[in-house]
Amino acid sequence: MNGKQLLKYCLAKPGAWQDEPWEGDVVAKVGDKIFAFLGETSVGLKCGRTRDEANELIRVYPNDVTASSYIGRYGWNGVKLNGAIPDDEVRELIDQSYEAVVSRLPKSKRPQV
């Protein structure tokens, strides 16, 4: 999976849209919340409700997943693309991150499905 495929997959989600809140940093949002930090070689995703839950992915893929700087304590990880993690599993992680963020949106801001 490359960066363009990653962006396309994220933006296909209901209510998803692209933003660049910091110069050069592209993200995918739903409502007003980020669910994916998009890069050419990696993606930042919500991988657990807690740091302990997100650490499970690091245990499984120690060379391809790291705790995100600053927001890692909230369950966010950086996931390397085209490494040991199969593309279908990366898509599942994107789905989970999206669902986690949508579930925390006020009902009035959730996408209509």
N, C-alpha and C. Protein backbone atom coordinates (compact mmCIF):
# COMPACT_ATOMS: atom_id res chain seq x y z
N MET A 1 0.86 -1.17 0.00
CA MET A 1 0.00 0.00 0.00
C MET A 1 0.90 1.23 0.00
N ASN A 2 0.60 2.18 -0.88
CA ASN A 2 1.37 3.41 -0.89
C ASN A 2 0.53 4.55 -0.32
N GLY A 3 1.12 5.74 -0.25
CA GLY A 3 0.43 6.88 0.35
C GLY A 3 -0.85 7.26 -0.36
N LYS A 4 -0.87 7.18 -1.70
CA LYS A 4 -2.08 7.53 -2.46
C LYS A 4 -3.20 6.53 -2.20
N GLN A 5 -2.85 5.24 -2.15
CA GLN A 5 -3.85 4.21 -1.87
C GLN A 5 -4.40 4.38 -0.45
N LEU A 6 -3.51 4.71 0.46
CA LEU A 6 -3.90 4.93 1.85
C LEU A 6 -4.90 6.08 1.95
N LEU A 7 -4.58 7.19 1.31
CA LEU A 7 -5.48 8.35 1.32
C LEU A 7 -6.82 8.00 0.71
N LYS A 8 -6.81 7.32 -0.43
CA LYS A 8 -8.05 6.94 -1.10
C LYS A 8 -8.91 6.05 -0.20
N TYR A 9 -8.29 5.09 0.47
CA TYR A 9 -9.04 4.20 1.36
C TYR A 9 -9.66 4.99 2.51
N CYS A 10 -8.88 5.87 3.11
CA CYS A 10 -9.40 6.66 4.24
C CYS A 10 -10.55 7.56 3.81
N LEU A 11 -10.41 8.21 2.67
CA LEU A 11 -11.44 9.16 2.23
C LEU A 11 -12.71 8.49 1.72
N ALA A 12 -12.67 7.18 1.52
CA ALA A 12 -13.87 6.44 1.12
C ALA A 12 -14.80 6.18 2.31
N LYS A 13 -14.34 6.45 3.51
CA LYS A 13 -15.17 6.25 4.71
C LYS A 13 -16.27 7.32 4.75
N PRO A 14 -17.46 6.98 5.25
CA PRO A 14 -18.54 7.97 5.35
C PRO A 14 -18.11 9.19 6.17
N GLY A 15 -18.30 10.36 5.60
CA GLY A 15 -18.00 11.61 6.30
C GLY A 15 -16.52 11.96 6.38
N ALA A 16 -15.65 11.15 5.78
CA ALA A 16 -14.21 11.41 5.86
C ALA A 16 -13.81 12.54 4.92
N TRP A 17 -12.84 13.31 5.36
CA TRP A 17 -12.33 14.39 4.53
C TRP A 17 -10.86 14.64 4.84
N GLN A 18 -10.16 15.19 3.87
CA GLN A 18 -8.73 15.44 3.99
C GLN A 18 -8.49 16.83 4.55
N ASP A 19 -7.50 16.95 5.42
CA ASP A 19 -7.13 18.24 5.99
C ASP A 19 -5.61 18.30 6.09
N GLU A 20 -5.09 19.50 6.23
CA GLU A 20 -3.67 19.72 6.44
C GLU A 20 -3.52 20.74 7.56
N PRO A 21 -3.74 20.29 8.82
CA PRO A 21 -3.74 21.23 9.94
C PRO A 21 -2.37 21.84 10.23
N TRP A 22 -1.31 21.16 9.82
CA TRP A 22 0.05 21.66 9.96
C TRP A 22 0.69 21.55 8.60
N GLU A 23 1.42 22.53 8.19
CA GLU A 23 2.01 22.56 6.85
C GLU A 23 2.74 21.26 6.52
N GLY A 24 2.28 20.60 5.46
CA GLY A 24 2.91 19.37 4.99
C GLY A 24 2.43 18.11 5.67
N ASP A 25 1.56 18.20 6.65
CA ASP A 25 1.04 17.03 7.36
C ASP A 25 -0.40 16.79 6.98
N VAL A 26 -0.64 15.77 6.17
CA VAL A 26 -1.98 15.43 5.70
C VAL A 26 -2.62 14.46 6.68
N VAL A 27 -3.88 14.72 7.00
CA VAL A 27 -4.63 13.85 7.90
C VAL A 27 -5.98 13.55 7.29
N ALA A 28 -6.60 12.47 7.75
CA ALA A 28 -7.98 12.15 7.40
C ALA A 28 -8.82 12.39 8.65
N LYS A 29 -9.92 13.10 8.47
CA LYS A 29 -10.80 13.44 9.59
C LYS A 29 -12.20 12.92 9.32
N VAL A 30 -12.92 12.75 10.41
CA VAL A 30 -14.35 12.52 10.35
C VAL A 30 -14.94 13.49 11.37
N GLY A 31 -15.96 14.22 10.97
CA GLY A 31 -16.40 15.32 11.81
C GLY A 31 -15.23 16.30 11.90
N ASP A 32 -14.88 16.69 13.11
CA ASP A 32 -13.73 17.58 13.27
C ASP A 32 -12.55 16.87 13.93
N LYS A 33 -12.56 15.53 13.91
CA LYS A 33 -11.53 14.74 14.59
C LYS A 33 -10.70 13.93 13.60
N ILE A 34 -9.40 13.85 13.89
CA ILE A 34 -8.48 13.07 13.07
C ILE A 34 -8.64 11.58 13.39
N PHE A 35 -8.68 10.76 12.34
CA PHE A 35 -8.63 9.31 12.57
C PHE A 35 -7.41 8.68 11.93
N ALA A 36 -6.68 9.43 11.07
CA ALA A 36 -5.45 8.90 10.48
C ALA A 36 -4.50 10.04 10.13
N PHE A 37 -3.26 9.90 10.55
CA PHE A 37 -2.18 10.80 10.15
C PHE A 37 -1.50 10.12 8.97
N LEU A 38 -1.56 10.71 7.79
CA LEU A 38 -1.16 10.04 6.56
C LEU A 38 0.25 10.43 6.13
N GLY A 39 1.04 9.42 5.81
CA GLY A 39 2.37 9.64 5.28
C GLY A 39 2.61 8.74 4.09
N GLU A 40 3.73 8.92 3.42
CA GLU A 40 4.07 8.07 2.28
C GLU A 40 4.50 6.67 2.73
N THR A 41 5.13 6.58 3.89
CA THR A 41 5.67 5.29 4.34
C THR A 41 5.06 4.79 5.64
N SER A 42 4.15 5.60 6.22
CA SER A 42 3.53 5.17 7.49
C SER A 42 2.20 5.88 7.67
N VAL A 43 1.45 5.40 8.64
CA VAL A 43 0.17 6.01 8.99
C VAL A 43 0.05 5.98 10.52
N GLY A 44 -0.44 7.07 11.09
CA GLY A 44 -0.71 7.13 12.53
C GLY A 44 -2.17 6.83 12.78
N LEU A 45 -2.43 5.86 13.65
CA LEU A 45 -3.80 5.40 13.90
C LEU A 45 -4.08 5.20 15.38
N LYS A 46 -5.33 5.35 15.74
CA LYS A 46 -5.78 5.01 17.09
C LYS A 46 -5.87 3.49 17.14
N CYS A 47 -4.99 2.86 17.94
CA CYS A 47 -4.89 1.39 17.96
C CYS A 47 -5.33 0.78 19.28
N GLY A 48 -5.95 1.56 20.13
CA GLY A 48 -6.44 1.04 21.39
C GLY A 48 -7.00 2.15 22.24
N ARG A 49 -7.84 1.80 23.20
CA ARG A 49 -8.40 2.80 24.08
C ARG A 49 -7.35 3.32 25.05
N THR A 50 -6.35 2.48 25.32
CA THR A 50 -5.29 2.85 26.25
C THR A 50 -3.93 2.51 25.63
N ARG A 51 -2.88 2.99 26.26
CA ARG A 51 -1.53 2.66 25.80
C ARG A 51 -1.29 1.16 25.89
N ASP A 52 -1.79 0.53 26.95
CA ASP A 52 -1.61 -0.92 27.10
C ASP A 52 -2.25 -1.69 25.94
N GLU A 53 -3.45 -1.31 25.54
CA GLU A 53 -4.11 -1.97 24.40
C GLU A 53 -3.31 -1.75 23.12
N ALA A 54 -2.84 -0.53 22.89
CA ALA A 54 -2.08 -0.22 21.68
C ALA A 54 -0.73 -0.92 21.67
N ASN A 55 -0.18 -1.20 22.84
CA ASN A 55 1.11 -1.90 22.91
C ASN A 55 1.04 -3.32 22.37
N GLU A 56 -0.14 -3.91 22.34
CA GLU A 56 -0.27 -5.27 21.80
C GLU A 56 0.19 -5.33 20.35
N LEU A 57 -0.14 -4.33 19.56
CA LEU A 57 0.29 -4.30 18.17
C LEU A 57 1.81 -4.16 18.07
N ILE A 58 2.40 -3.42 18.98
CA ILE A 58 3.86 -3.28 19.01
C ILE A 58 4.51 -4.62 19.35
N ARG A 59 3.90 -5.37 20.24
CA ARG A 59 4.44 -6.68 20.60
C ARG A 59 4.41 -7.64 19.39
N VAL A 60 3.35 -7.55 18.59
CA VAL A 60 3.21 -8.43 17.43
C VAL A 60 4.14 -7.99 16.29
N TYR A 61 4.28 -6.69 16.08
CA TYR A 61 5.08 -6.15 14.98
C TYR A 61 6.11 -5.14 15.52
N PRO A 62 7.10 -5.59 16.28
CA PRO A 62 8.02 -4.66 16.94
C PRO A 62 8.85 -3.80 15.97
N ASN A 63 9.07 -4.25 14.75
CA ASN A 63 9.87 -3.48 13.80
C ASN A 63 9.03 -2.57 12.91
N ASP A 64 7.70 -2.67 13.01
CA ASP A 64 6.84 -1.92 12.11
C ASP A 64 5.81 -1.03 12.81
N VAL A 65 5.76 -1.06 14.13
CA VAL A 65 4.80 -0.24 14.86
C VAL A 65 5.51 0.42 16.03
N THR A 66 5.25 1.72 16.22
CA THR A 66 5.81 2.46 17.34
C THR A 66 4.72 3.30 17.97
N ALA A 67 4.88 3.61 19.23
CA ALA A 67 3.96 4.53 19.90
C ALA A 67 4.15 5.91 19.29
N SER A 68 3.07 6.59 18.99
CA SER A 68 3.15 7.93 18.41
C SER A 68 3.66 8.93 19.44
N SER A 69 4.45 9.87 18.96
CA SER A 69 4.93 10.94 19.83
C SER A 69 3.75 11.76 20.32
N TYR A 70 3.82 12.19 21.54
CA TYR A 70 2.84 13.07 22.18
C TYR A 70 1.48 12.42 22.43
N ILE A 71 0.88 11.79 21.43
CA ILE A 71 -0.47 11.22 21.61
C ILE A 71 -0.44 9.72 21.82
N GLY A 72 0.73 9.14 21.86
CA GLY A 72 0.85 7.70 22.07
C GLY A 72 0.22 7.24 23.37
N ARG A 73 0.26 8.08 24.37
CA ARG A 73 -0.33 7.69 25.67
C ARG A 73 -1.84 7.49 25.58
N TYR A 74 -2.44 7.99 24.50
CA TYR A 74 -3.88 7.83 24.30
C TYR A 74 -4.21 6.67 23.35
N GLY A 75 -3.22 5.83 23.05
CA GLY A 75 -3.47 4.65 22.22
C GLY A 75 -3.16 4.82 20.75
N TRP A 76 -2.44 5.87 20.38
CA TRP A 76 -2.07 6.10 18.97
C TRP A 76 -0.72 5.48 18.67
N ASN A 77 -0.63 4.82 17.51
CA ASN A 77 0.62 4.20 17.04
C ASN A 77 0.95 4.67 15.64
N GLY A 78 2.23 4.65 15.33
CA GLY A 78 2.68 4.82 13.96
C GLY A 78 2.85 3.43 13.35
N VAL A 79 2.25 3.21 12.20
CA VAL A 79 2.27 1.90 11.54
C VAL A 79 2.99 2.03 10.20
N LYS A 80 4.06 1.29 10.05
CA LYS A 80 4.86 1.32 8.83
C LYS A 80 4.13 0.60 7.71
N LEU A 81 4.12 1.21 6.52
CA LEU A 81 3.52 0.59 5.35
C LEU A 81 4.55 -0.27 4.64
N ASN A 82 4.07 -1.30 3.97
CA ASN A 82 4.92 -2.19 3.16
C ASN A 82 6.00 -2.88 3.97
N GLY A 83 5.69 -3.16 5.23
CA GLY A 83 6.60 -3.94 6.07
C GLY A 83 5.98 -5.30 6.33
N ALA A 84 6.08 -5.75 7.56
CA ALA A 84 5.57 -7.07 7.93
C ALA A 84 4.05 -7.11 8.05
N ILE A 85 3.42 -5.96 8.19
CA ILE A 85 1.97 -5.92 8.37
C ILE A 85 1.30 -5.99 7.00
N PRO A 86 0.49 -7.01 6.75
CA PRO A 86 -0.19 -7.13 5.45
C PRO A 86 -1.14 -5.95 5.21
N ASP A 87 -1.32 -5.58 3.94
CA ASP A 87 -2.19 -4.46 3.60
C ASP A 87 -3.60 -4.62 4.14
N ASP A 88 -4.13 -5.85 4.11
CA ASP A 88 -5.50 -6.03 4.61
C ASP A 88 -5.57 -5.76 6.11
N GLU A 89 -4.52 -6.05 6.84
CA GLU A 89 -4.50 -5.74 8.27
C GLU A 89 -4.36 -4.24 8.50
N VAL A 90 -3.60 -3.55 7.65
CA VAL A 90 -3.51 -2.09 7.75
C VAL A 90 -4.89 -1.49 7.52
N ARG A 91 -5.62 -2.00 6.53
CA ARG A 91 -6.98 -1.51 6.29
C ARG A 91 -7.88 -1.76 7.50
N GLU A 92 -7.75 -2.92 8.14
CA GLU A 92 -8.53 -3.21 9.35
C GLU A 92 -8.18 -2.22 10.46
N LEU A 93 -6.90 -1.88 10.60
CA LEU A 93 -6.49 -0.92 11.62
C LEU A 93 -7.06 0.46 11.33
N ILE A 94 -7.11 0.84 10.05
CA ILE A 94 -7.74 2.11 9.66
C ILE A 94 -9.22 2.08 10.03
N ASP A 95 -9.89 0.97 9.71
CA ASP A 95 -11.31 0.82 10.04
C ASP A 95 -11.54 0.98 11.55
N GLN A 96 -10.69 0.34 12.34
CA GLN A 96 -10.83 0.40 13.79
C GLN A 96 -10.60 1.82 14.31
N SER A 97 -9.60 2.50 13.76
CA SER A 97 -9.32 3.88 14.17
C SER A 97 -10.50 4.78 13.83
N TYR A 98 -11.01 4.63 12.63
CA TYR A 98 -12.18 5.40 12.19
C TYR A 98 -13.36 5.16 13.13
N GLU A 99 -13.67 3.90 13.40
CA GLU A 99 -14.80 3.56 14.27
C GLU A 99 -14.60 4.11 15.68
N ALA A 100 -13.37 4.04 16.19
CA ALA A 100 -13.09 4.56 17.54
C ALA A 100 -13.35 6.06 17.60
N VAL A 101 -12.95 6.78 16.56
CA VAL A 101 -13.14 8.23 16.54
C VAL A 101 -14.62 8.56 16.34
N VAL A 102 -15.29 7.88 15.42
CA VAL A 102 -16.71 8.13 15.19
C VAL A 102 -17.52 7.89 16.47
N SER A 103 -17.19 6.84 17.20
CA SER A 103 -17.96 6.51 18.41
C SER A 103 -17.86 7.59 19.48
N ARG A 104 -16.84 8.42 19.40
CA ARG A 104 -16.66 9.49 20.39
C ARG A 104 -17.21 10.83 19.93
N LEU A 105 -17.67 10.89 18.69
CA LEU A 105 -18.28 12.12 18.19
C LEU A 105 -19.67 12.29 18.78
N PRO A 106 -20.10 13.53 18.99
CA PRO A 106 -21.50 13.72 19.36
C PRO A 106 -22.40 13.17 18.24
N LYS A 107 -23.53 12.65 18.60
CA LYS A 107 -24.41 12.04 17.60
C LYS A 107 -24.73 12.99 16.45
N SER A 108 -24.81 14.27 16.74
CA SER A 108 -25.14 15.24 15.69
C SER A 108 -24.02 15.40 14.67
N LYS A 109 -22.80 14.99 15.02
CA LYS A 109 -21.65 15.12 14.11
C LYS A 109 -21.24 13.80 13.47
N ARG A 110 -21.93 12.72 13.82
CA ARG A 110 -21.59 11.42 13.23
C ARG A 110 -22.11 11.36 11.81
N PRO A 111 -21.34 10.71 10.91
CA PRO A 111 -21.81 10.60 9.53
C PRO A 111 -23.07 9.76 9.44
N GLN A 112 -23.92 10.14 8.51
CA GLN A 112 -25.14 9.37 8.25
C GLN A 112 -24.78 8.22 7.34
N VAL A 113 -25.05 7.01 7.78
CA VAL A 113 -24.70 5.82 6.98
C VAL A 113 -25.95 5.19 6.43
